[in-house]
Amino acid sequence: MTTDEKIQKILYEKVNTKLALHNGRAGLSGIENGTAKIKFYGACASCMASSDTFDGVVKKEILSACPELTDVVIDDATSWDLLEMARKILNKESDV
């Protein structure tokens, strides 16, 4: 099983079952130089306690199952799709 697959399994079986109780979920956005990047979605994306949840649940679960990783971080980058949609809304373009 690849590292990507292990992380996806952890997110599906252990993490997202907990986050779903709060209308959220987490997804793997990539692995770079031994660091997994995890993105929060739904209510978890804007929750004030997301960093505590990340450290106490997400990071702990992933690092314990994937010793090949050196770190797990929150991916808080805004997607280009979201930025483009916001631009269209602000410019009142009709295809939004």
PDB file of N, CA and C in Angstrom:
ATOM      1  N   MET A   1       0.855  -1.181   0.000  1.00  0.00           N
ATOM      2  CA  MET A   1       0.000   0.000   0.000  1.00  0.00           C
ATOM      3  C   MET A   1       0.897   1.239   0.000  1.00  0.00           C
ATOM      4  N   THR A   2       0.599   2.176  -0.890  1.00  0.00           N
ATOM      5  CA  THR A   2       1.387   3.407  -0.957  1.00  0.00           C
ATOM      6  C   THR A   2       1.047   4.331   0.214  1.00  0.00           C
ATOM      7  N   THR A   3       1.880   5.315   0.428  1.00  0.00           N
ATOM      8  CA  THR A   3       1.623   6.291   1.492  1.00  0.00           C
ATOM      9  C   THR A   3       0.321   7.029   1.232  1.00  0.00           C
ATOM     10  N   ASP A   4       0.073   7.413  -0.014  1.00  0.00           N
ATOM     11  CA  ASP A   4      -1.188   8.073  -0.376  1.00  0.00           C
ATOM     12  C   ASP A   4      -2.380   7.209   0.025  1.00  0.00           C
ATOM     13  N   GLU A   5      -2.309   5.931  -0.312  1.00  0.00           N
ATOM     14  CA  GLU A   5      -3.402   5.009   0.008  1.00  0.00           C
ATOM     15  C   GLU A   5      -3.593   4.846   1.509  1.00  0.00           C
ATOM     16  N   LYS A   6      -2.474   4.782   2.243  1.00  0.00           N
ATOM     17  CA  LYS A   6      -2.578   4.663   3.701  1.00  0.00           C
ATOM     18  C   LYS A   6      -3.265   5.896   4.296  1.00  0.00           C
ATOM     19  N   ILE A   7      -2.873   7.062   3.820  1.00  0.00           N
ATOM     20  CA  ILE A   7      -3.463   8.296   4.334  1.00  0.00           C
ATOM     21  C   ILE A   7      -4.946   8.365   3.989  1.00  0.00           C
ATOM     22  N   GLN A   8      -5.302   8.022   2.766  1.00  0.00           N
ATOM     23  CA  GLN A   8      -6.709   8.029   2.353  1.00  0.00           C
ATOM     24  C   GLN A   8      -7.530   7.095   3.242  1.00  0.00           C
ATOM     25  N   LYS A   9      -6.972   5.938   3.549  1.00  0.00           N
ATOM     26  CA  LYS A   9      -7.666   4.970   4.399  1.00  0.00           C
ATOM     27  C   LYS A   9      -7.856   5.522   5.816  1.00  0.00           C
ATOM     28  N   ILE A  10      -6.817   6.130   6.363  1.00  0.00           N
ATOM     29  CA  ILE A  10      -6.905   6.729   7.704  1.00  0.00           C
ATOM     30  C   ILE A  10      -7.962   7.830   7.718  1.00  0.00           C
ATOM     31  N   LEU A  11      -7.940   8.685   6.708  1.00  0.00           N
ATOM     32  CA  LEU A  11      -8.916   9.771   6.643  1.00  0.00           C
ATOM     33  C   LEU A  11     -10.333   9.213   6.559  1.00  0.00           C
ATOM     34  N   TYR A  12     -10.526   8.202   5.740  1.00  0.00           N
ATOM     35  CA  TYR A  12     -11.857   7.620   5.545  1.00  0.00           C
ATOM     36  C   TYR A  12     -12.347   6.888   6.796  1.00  0.00           C
ATOM     37  N   GLU A  13     -11.487   6.055   7.362  1.00  0.00           N
ATOM     38  CA  GLU A  13     -11.920   5.180   8.461  1.00  0.00           C
ATOM     39  C   GLU A  13     -11.862   5.828   9.845  1.00  0.00           C
ATOM     40  N   LYS A  14     -10.911   6.696  10.087  1.00  0.00           N
ATOM     41  CA  LYS A  14     -10.712   7.211  11.446  1.00  0.00           C
ATOM     42  C   LYS A  14     -11.012   8.697  11.597  1.00  0.00           C
ATOM     43  N   VAL A  15     -10.573   9.488  10.651  1.00  0.00           N
ATOM     44  CA  VAL A  15     -10.676  10.940  10.804  1.00  0.00           C
ATOM     45  C   VAL A  15     -12.044  11.465  10.381  1.00  0.00           C
ATOM     46  N   ASN A  16     -12.453  11.149   9.163  1.00  0.00           N
ATOM     47  CA  ASN A  16     -13.687  11.743   8.648  1.00  0.00           C
ATOM     48  C   ASN A  16     -14.949  11.260   9.357  1.00  0.00           C
ATOM     49  N   THR A  17     -14.874  10.100   9.976  1.00  0.00           N
ATOM     50  CA  THR A  17     -16.024   9.659  10.773  1.00  0.00           C
ATOM     51  C   THR A  17     -16.227  10.582  11.974  1.00  0.00           C
ATOM     52  N   LYS A  18     -15.136  11.079  12.540  1.00  0.00           N
ATOM     53  CA  LYS A  18     -15.213  12.027  13.651  1.00  0.00           C
ATOM     54  C   LYS A  18     -15.605  13.424  13.164  1.00  0.00           C
ATOM     55  N   LEU A  19     -14.986  13.859  12.077  1.00  0.00           N
ATOM     56  CA  LEU A  19     -15.262  15.210  11.568  1.00  0.00           C
ATOM     57  C   LEU A  19     -16.682  15.332  11.028  1.00  0.00           C
ATOM     58  N   ALA A  20     -17.240  14.244  10.525  1.00  0.00           N
ATOM     59  CA  ALA A  20     -18.601  14.272   9.986  1.00  0.00           C
ATOM     60  C   ALA A  20     -19.621  14.638  11.058  1.00  0.00           C
ATOM     61  N   LEU A  21     -19.319  14.339  12.305  1.00  0.00           N
ATOM     62  CA  LEU A  21     -20.210  14.701  13.406  1.00  0.00           C
ATOM     63  C   LEU A  21     -20.346  16.219  13.541  1.00  0.00           C
ATOM     64  N   HIS A  22     -19.390  16.938  12.969  1.00  0.00           N
ATOM     65  CA  HIS A  22     -19.380  18.396  13.020  1.00  0.00           C
ATOM     66  C   HIS A  22     -19.529  19.003  11.614  1.00  0.00           C
ATOM     67  N   ASN A  23     -20.069  18.212  10.698  1.00  0.00           N
ATOM     68  CA  ASN A  23     -20.288  18.649   9.313  1.00  0.00           C
ATOM     69  C   ASN A  23     -19.008  19.049   8.591  1.00  0.00           C
ATOM     70  N   GLY A  24     -17.961  18.286   8.807  1.00  0.00           N
ATOM     71  CA  GLY A  24     -16.702  18.564   8.135  1.00  0.00           C
ATOM     72  C   GLY A  24     -16.048  17.292   7.650  1.00  0.00           C
ATOM     73  N   ARG A  25     -14.937  17.460   6.976  1.00  0.00           N
ATOM     74  CA  ARG A  25     -14.131  16.328   6.532  1.00  0.00           C
ATOM     75  C   ARG A  25     -12.736  16.821   6.192  1.00  0.00           C
ATOM     76  N   ALA A  26     -11.819  15.895   6.003  1.00  0.00           N
ATOM     77  CA  ALA A  26     -10.447  16.218   5.646  1.00  0.00           C
ATOM     78  C   ALA A  26     -10.055  15.396   4.428  1.00  0.00           C
ATOM     79  N   GLY A  27      -9.183  15.959   3.607  1.00  0.00           N
ATOM     80  CA  GLY A  27      -8.710  15.263   2.426  1.00  0.00           C
ATOM     81  C   GLY A  27      -7.229  15.507   2.222  1.00  0.00           C
ATOM     82  N   LEU A  28      -6.572  14.556   1.598  1.00  0.00           N
ATOM     83  CA  LEU A  28      -5.155  14.678   1.267  1.00  0.00           C
ATOM     84  C   LEU A  28      -5.022  15.542   0.027  1.00  0.00           C
ATOM     85  N   SER A  29      -4.266  16.628   0.132  1.00  0.00           N
ATOM     86  CA  SER A  29      -4.063  17.459  -1.059  1.00  0.00           C
ATOM     87  C   SER A  29      -2.709  17.211  -1.695  1.00  0.00           C
ATOM     88  N   GLY A  30      -1.840  16.480  -1.016  1.00  0.00           N
ATOM     89  CA  GLY A  30      -0.567  16.134  -1.619  1.00  0.00           C
ATOM     90  C   GLY A  30       0.477  15.743  -0.599  1.00  0.00           C
ATOM     91  N   ILE A  31       1.560  15.165  -1.114  1.00  0.00           N
ATOM     92  CA  ILE A  31       2.719  14.832  -0.289  1.00  0.00           C
ATOM     93  C   ILE A  31       3.924  15.407  -0.995  1.00  0.00           C
ATOM     94  N   GLU A  32       4.728  16.152  -0.230  1.00  0.00           N
ATOM     95  CA  GLU A  32       5.903  16.790  -0.816  1.00  0.00           C
ATOM     96  C   GLU A  32       7.060  16.709   0.173  1.00  0.00           C
ATOM     97  N   ASN A  33       8.164  16.135  -0.260  1.00  0.00           N
ATOM     98  CA  ASN A  33       9.375  16.028   0.569  1.00  0.00           C
ATOM     99  C   ASN A  33       9.096  15.430   1.943  1.00  0.00           C
ATOM    100  N   GLY A  34       8.284  14.378   1.999  1.00  0.00           N
ATOM    101  CA  GLY A  34       7.996  13.697   3.248  1.00  0.00           C
ATOM    102  C   GLY A  34       6.958  14.368   4.126  1.00  0.00           C
ATOM    103  N   THR A  35       6.312  15.407   3.604  1.00  0.00           N
ATOM    104  CA  THR A  35       5.280  16.120   4.359  1.00  0.00           C
ATOM    105  C   THR A  35       3.935  15.965   3.666  1.00  0.00           C
ATOM    106  N   ALA A  36       2.955  15.435   4.399  1.00  0.00           N
ATOM    107  CA  ALA A  36       1.598  15.294   3.867  1.00  0.00           C
ATOM    108  C   ALA A  36       0.848  16.594   4.120  1.00  0.00           C
ATOM    109  N   LYS A  37       0.097  17.032   3.118  1.00  0.00           N
ATOM    110  CA  LYS A  37      -0.717  18.243   3.240  1.00  0.00           C
ATOM    111  C   LYS A  37      -2.178  17.827   3.288  1.00  0.00           C
ATOM    112  N   ILE A  38      -2.859  18.244   4.351  1.00  0.00           N
ATOM    113  CA  ILE A  38      -4.249  17.882   4.568  1.00  0.00           C
ATOM    114  C   ILE A  38      -5.109  19.135   4.524  1.00  0.00           C
ATOM    115  N   LYS A  39      -6.202  19.055   3.795  1.00  0.00           N
ATOM    116  CA  LYS A  39      -7.118  20.193   3.662  1.00  0.00           C
ATOM    117  C   LYS A  39      -8.420  19.857   4.387  1.00  0.00           C
ATOM    118  N   PHE A  40      -8.925  20.816   5.153  1.00  0.00           N
ATOM    119  CA  PHE A  40     -10.219  20.687   5.810  1.00  0.00           C
ATOM    120  C   PHE A  40     -11.307  21.238   4.902  1.00  0.00           C
ATOM    121  N   TYR A  41     -12.468  20.600   4.945  1.00  0.00           N
ATOM    122  CA  TYR A  41     -13.631  21.017   4.162  1.00  0.00           C
ATOM    123  C   TYR A  41     -14.843  21.141   5.075  1.00  0.00           C
ATOM    124  N   GLY A  42     -15.881  21.791   4.567  1.00  0.00           N
ATOM    125  CA  GLY A  42     -17.114  21.942   5.333  1.00  0.00           C
ATOM    126  C   GLY A  42     -16.890  22.821   6.542  1.00  0.00           C
ATOM    127  N   ALA A  43     -17.591  22.514   7.617  1.00  0.00           N
ATOM    128  CA  ALA A  43     -17.512  23.323   8.834  1.00  0.00           C
ATOM    129  C   ALA A  43     -16.097  23.344   9.409  1.00  0.00           C
ATOM    130  N   CYS A  44     -15.323  22.304   9.175  1.00  0.00           N
ATOM    131  CA  CYS A  44     -13.965  22.249   9.730  1.00  0.00           C
ATOM    132  C   CYS A  44     -13.028  23.275   9.088  1.00  0.00           C
ATOM    133  N   ALA A  45     -13.337  23.692   7.877  1.00  0.00           N
ATOM    134  CA  ALA A  45     -12.475  24.638   7.176  1.00  0.00           C
ATOM    135  C   ALA A  45     -12.435  26.000   7.847  1.00  0.00           C
ATOM    136  N   SER A  46     -13.506  26.370   8.533  1.00  0.00           N
ATOM    137  CA  SER A  46     -13.544  27.692   9.163  1.00  0.00           C
ATOM    138  C   SER A  46     -13.691  27.626  10.682  1.00  0.00           C
ATOM    139  N   CYS A  47     -13.557  26.459  11.245  1.00  0.00           N
ATOM    140  CA  CYS A  47     -13.742  26.282  12.686  1.00  0.00           C
ATOM    141  C   CYS A  47     -12.548  26.849  13.463  1.00  0.00           C
ATOM    142  N   MET A  48     -12.872  27.521  14.558  1.00  0.00           N
ATOM    143  CA  MET A  48     -11.825  28.110  15.409  1.00  0.00           C
ATOM    144  C   MET A  48     -10.960  27.029  16.070  1.00  0.00           C
ATOM    145  N   ALA A  49     -11.503  25.832  16.242  1.00  0.00           N
ATOM    146  CA  ALA A  49     -10.773  24.748  16.896  1.00  0.00           C
ATOM    147  C   ALA A  49     -10.098  23.798  15.907  1.00  0.00           C
ATOM    148  N   SER A  50     -10.051  24.168  14.633  1.00  0.00           N
ATOM    149  CA  SER A  50      -9.509  23.247  13.628  1.00  0.00           C
ATOM    150  C   SER A  50      -8.049  22.890  13.874  1.00  0.00           C
ATOM    151  N   SER A  51      -7.252  23.812  14.385  1.00  0.00           N
ATOM    152  CA  SER A  51      -5.845  23.473  14.634  1.00  0.00           C
ATOM    153  C   SER A  51      -5.724  22.457  15.775  1.00  0.00           C
ATOM    154  N   ASP A  52      -6.587  22.553  16.776  1.00  0.00           N
ATOM    155  CA  ASP A  52      -6.583  21.557  17.860  1.00  0.00           C
ATOM    156  C   ASP A  52      -7.018  20.198  17.335  1.00  0.00           C
ATOM    157  N   THR A  53      -8.062  20.197  16.508  1.00  0.00           N
ATOM    158  CA  THR A  53      -8.538  18.955  15.897  1.00  0.00           C
ATOM    159  C   THR A  53      -7.450  18.360  15.014  1.00  0.00           C
ATOM    160  N   PHE A  54      -6.797  19.216  14.263  1.00  0.00           N
ATOM    161  CA  PHE A  54      -5.732  18.745  13.382  1.00  0.00           C
ATOM    162  C   PHE A  54      -4.627  18.065  14.181  1.00  0.00           C
ATOM    163  N   ASP A  55      -4.132  18.748  15.208  1.00  0.00           N
ATOM    164  CA  ASP A  55      -3.033  18.180  16.004  1.00  0.00           C
ATOM    165  C   ASP A  55      -3.459  16.933  16.775  1.00  0.00           C
ATOM    166  N   GLY A  56      -4.643  16.972  17.370  1.00  0.00           N
ATOM    167  CA  GLY A  56      -5.079  15.885  18.232  1.00  0.00           C
ATOM    168  C   GLY A  56      -5.629  14.671  17.524  1.00  0.00           C
ATOM    169  N   VAL A  57      -6.121  14.857  16.321  1.00  0.00           N
ATOM    170  CA  VAL A  57      -6.748  13.742  15.607  1.00  0.00           C
ATOM    171  C   VAL A  57      -6.004  13.421  14.310  1.00  0.00           C
ATOM    172  N   VAL A  58      -5.952  14.369  13.405  1.00  0.00           N
ATOM    173  CA  VAL A  58      -5.448  14.109  12.053  1.00  0.00           C
ATOM    174  C   VAL A  58      -3.948  13.793  12.045  1.00  0.00           C
ATOM    175  N   LYS A  59      -3.166  14.716  12.537  1.00  0.00           N
ATOM    176  CA  LYS A  59      -1.710  14.559  12.497  1.00  0.00           C
ATOM    177  C   LYS A  59      -1.264  13.318  13.259  1.00  0.00           C
ATOM    178  N   LYS A  60      -1.824  13.122  14.436  1.00  0.00           N
ATOM    179  CA  LYS A  60      -1.468  11.979  15.283  1.00  0.00           C
ATOM    180  C   LYS A  60      -1.741  10.656  14.572  1.00  0.00           C
ATOM    181  N   GLU A  61      -2.927  10.523  13.997  1.00  0.00           N
ATOM    182  CA  GLU A  61      -3.312   9.277  13.307  1.00  0.00           C
ATOM    183  C   GLU A  61      -2.398   8.999  12.111  1.00  0.00           C
ATOM    184  N   ILE A  62      -2.137  10.032  11.315  1.00  0.00           N
ATOM    185  CA  ILE A  62      -1.346   9.837  10.094  1.00  0.00           C
ATOM    186  C   ILE A  62       0.105   9.512  10.428  1.00  0.00           C
ATOM    187  N   LEU A  63       0.716  10.286  11.323  1.00  0.00           N
ATOM    188  CA  LEU A  63       2.123  10.034  11.652  1.00  0.00           C
ATOM    189  C   LEU A  63       2.334   8.681  12.312  1.00  0.00           C
ATOM    190  N   SER A  64       1.361   8.222  13.100  1.00  0.00           N
ATOM    191  CA  SER A  64       1.536   6.915  13.739  1.00  0.00           C
ATOM    192  C   SER A  64       1.443   5.777  12.731  1.00  0.00           C
ATOM    193  N   ALA A  65       0.701   5.961  11.660  1.00  0.00           N
ATOM    194  CA  ALA A  65       0.545   4.913  10.647  1.00  0.00           C
ATOM    195  C   ALA A  65       1.535   5.031   9.491  1.00  0.00           C
ATOM    196  N   CYS A  66       2.176   6.192   9.359  1.00  0.00           N
ATOM    197  CA  CYS A  66       3.062   6.436   8.219  1.00  0.00           C
ATOM    198  C   CYS A  66       4.431   6.942   8.700  1.00  0.00           C
ATOM    199  N   PRO A  67       5.263   6.062   9.227  1.00  0.00           N
ATOM    200  CA  PRO A  67       6.575   6.495   9.735  1.00  0.00           C
ATOM    201  C   PRO A  67       7.492   7.066   8.649  1.00  0.00           C
ATOM    202  N   GLU A  68       7.145   6.838   7.390  1.00  0.00           N
ATOM    203  CA  GLU A  68       7.948   7.379   6.295  1.00  0.00           C
ATOM    204  C   GLU A  68       7.767   8.889   6.130  1.00  0.00           C
ATOM    205  N   LEU A  69       6.735   9.440   6.761  1.00  0.00           N
ATOM    206  CA  LEU A  69       6.500  10.886   6.705  1.00  0.00           C
ATOM    207  C   LEU A  69       7.278  11.590   7.809  1.00  0.00           C
ATOM    208  N   THR A  70       7.716  12.811   7.523  1.00  0.00           N
ATOM    209  CA  THR A  70       8.402  13.616   8.533  1.00  0.00           C
ATOM    210  C   THR A  70       7.460  14.615   9.190  1.00  0.00           C
ATOM    211  N   ASP A  71       6.359  14.960   8.496  1.00  0.00           N
ATOM    212  CA  ASP A  71       5.418  15.919   9.059  1.00  0.00           C
ATOM    213  C   ASP A  71       4.077  15.826   8.342  1.00  0.00           C
ATOM    214  N   VAL A  72       3.065  16.376   8.984  1.00  0.00           N
ATOM    215  CA  VAL A  72       1.730  16.509   8.401  1.00  0.00           C
ATOM    216  C   VAL A  72       1.295  17.931   8.714  1.00  0.00           C
ATOM    217  N   VAL A  73       0.892  18.674   7.679  1.00  0.00           N
ATOM    218  CA  VAL A  73       0.522  20.077   7.859  1.00  0.00           C
ATOM    219  C   VAL A  73      -0.856  20.342   7.266  1.00  0.00           C
ATOM    220  N   ILE A  74      -1.470  21.439   7.734  1.00  0.00           N
ATOM    221  CA  ILE A  74      -2.749  21.872   7.180  1.00  0.00           C
ATOM    222  C   ILE A  74      -2.483  22.618   5.885  1.00  0.00           C
ATOM    223  N   ASP A  75      -3.190  22.246   4.841  1.00  0.00           N
ATOM    224  CA  ASP A  75      -3.124  22.960   3.565  1.00  0.00           C
ATOM    225  C   ASP A  75      -4.234  24.009   3.590  1.00  0.00           C
ATOM    226  N   ASP A  76      -3.840  25.253   3.784  1.00  0.00           N
ATOM    227  CA  ASP A  76      -4.837  26.314   3.856  1.00  0.00           C
ATOM    228  C   ASP A  76      -4.849  27.195   2.612  1.00  0.00           C
ATOM    229  N   ALA A  77      -4.281  26.676   1.537  1.00  0.00           N
ATOM    230  CA  ALA A  77      -4.275  27.421   0.283  1.00  0.00           C
ATOM    231  C   ALA A  77      -5.686  27.470  -0.307  1.00  0.00           C
ATOM    232  N   THR A  78      -6.004  28.562  -0.936  1.00  0.00           N
ATOM    233  CA  THR A  78      -7.289  28.721  -1.602  1.00  0.00           C
ATOM    234  C   THR A  78      -7.171  28.182  -3.021  1.00  0.00           C
ATOM    235  N   SER A  79      -8.146  27.403  -3.448  1.00  0.00           N
ATOM    236  CA  SER A  79      -8.080  26.806  -4.786  1.00  0.00           C
ATOM    237  C   SER A  79      -8.327  27.861  -5.859  1.00  0.00           C
ATOM    238  N   TRP A  80      -7.745  27.633  -7.024  1.00  0.00           N
ATOM    239  CA  TRP A  80      -7.935  28.557  -8.152  1.00  0.00           C
ATOM    240  C   TRP A  80      -9.398  28.572  -8.589  1.00  0.00           C
ATOM    241  N   ASP A  81     -10.090  27.437  -8.480  1.00  0.00           N
ATOM    242  CA  ASP A  81     -11.506  27.387  -8.853  1.00  0.00           C
ATOM    243  C   ASP A  81     -12.332  28.324  -7.986  1.00  0.00           C
ATOM    244  N   LEU A  82     -12.059  28.317  -6.692  1.00  0.00           N
ATOM    245  CA  LEU A  82     -12.780  29.184  -5.770  1.00  0.00           C
ATOM    246  C   LEU A  82     -12.465  30.652  -6.054  1.00  0.00           C
ATOM    247  N   LEU A  83     -11.219  30.955  -6.316  1.00  0.00           N
ATOM    248  CA  LEU A  83     -10.844  32.334  -6.637  1.00  0.00           C
ATOM    249  C   LEU A  83     -11.505  32.806  -7.930  1.00  0.00           C
ATOM    250  N   GLU A  84     -11.572  31.936  -8.915  1.00  0.00           N
ATOM    251  CA  GLU A  84     -12.213  32.297 -10.186  1.00  0.00           C
ATOM    252  C   GLU A  84     -13.711  32.531  -9.989  1.00  0.00           C
ATOM    253  N   MET A  85     -14.360  31.693  -9.187  1.00  0.00           N
ATOM    254  CA  MET A  85     -15.778  31.870  -8.922  1.00  0.00           C
ATOM    255  C   MET A  85     -16.015  33.198  -8.190  1.00  0.00           C
ATOM    256  N   ALA A  86     -15.172  33.527  -7.237  1.00  0.00           N
ATOM    257  CA  ALA A  86     -15.306  34.798  -6.508  1.00  0.00           C
ATOM    258  C   ALA A  86     -15.121  35.981  -7.454  1.00  0.00           C
ATOM    259  N   ARG A  87     -14.152  35.875  -8.360  1.00  0.00           N
ATOM    260  CA  ARG A  87     -13.918  36.946  -9.337  1.00  0.00           C
ATOM    261  C   ARG A  87     -15.156  37.169 -10.193  1.00  0.00           C
ATOM    262  N   LYS A  88     -15.774  36.072 -10.643  1.00  0.00           N
ATOM    263  CA  LYS A  88     -16.967  36.184 -11.477  1.00  0.00           C
ATOM    264  C   LYS A  88     -18.129  36.800 -10.706  1.00  0.00           C
ATOM    265  N   ILE A  89     -18.281  36.421  -9.456  1.00  0.00           N
ATOM    266  CA  ILE A  89     -19.354  36.994  -8.631  1.00  0.00           C
ATOM    267  C   ILE A  89     -19.128  38.495  -8.460  1.00  0.00           C
ATOM    268  N   LEU A  90     -17.908  38.867  -8.146  1.00  0.00           N
ATOM    269  CA  LEU A  90     -17.602  40.284  -7.940  1.00  0.00           C
ATOM    270  C   LEU A  90     -17.799  41.108  -9.218  1.00  0.00           C
ATOM    271  N   ASN A  91     -17.531  40.471 -10.363  1.00  0.00           N
ATOM    272  CA  ASN A  91     -17.691  41.160 -11.649  1.00  0.00           C
ATOM    273  C   ASN A  91     -19.086  40.976 -12.219  1.00  0.00           C
ATOM    274  N   LYS A  92     -19.961  40.297 -11.477  1.00  0.00           N
ATOM    275  CA  LYS A  92     -21.347  40.061 -11.867  1.00  0.00           C
ATOM    276  C   LYS A  92     -21.472  39.416 -13.239  1.00  0.00           C
ATOM    277  N   GLU A  93     -20.609  38.424 -13.465  1.00  0.00           N
ATOM    278  CA  GLU A  93     -20.675  37.678 -14.719  1.00  0.00           C
ATOM    279  C   GLU A  93     -21.811  36.673 -14.621  1.00  0.00           C
ATOM    280  N   SER A  94     -22.522  36.446 -15.690  1.00  0.00           N
ATOM    281  CA  SER A  94     -23.759  35.682 -15.671  1.00  0.00           C
ATOM    282  C   SER A  94     -23.605  34.168 -15.582  1.00  0.00           C
ATOM    283  N   ASP A  95     -22.438  33.601 -15.857  1.00  0.00           N
ATOM    284  CA  ASP A  95     -22.315  32.129 -15.868  1.00  0.00           C
ATOM    285  C   ASP A  95     -21.905  31.561 -14.516  1.00  0.00           C
ATOM    286  N   VAL A  96     -22.125  32.258 -13.436  1.00  0.00           N
ATOM    287  CA  VAL A  96     -21.803  31.746 -12.097  1.00  0.00           C
ATOM    288  C   VAL A  96     -22.973  30.972 -11.558  1.00  0.00           C
TER     289      VAL A  96
END
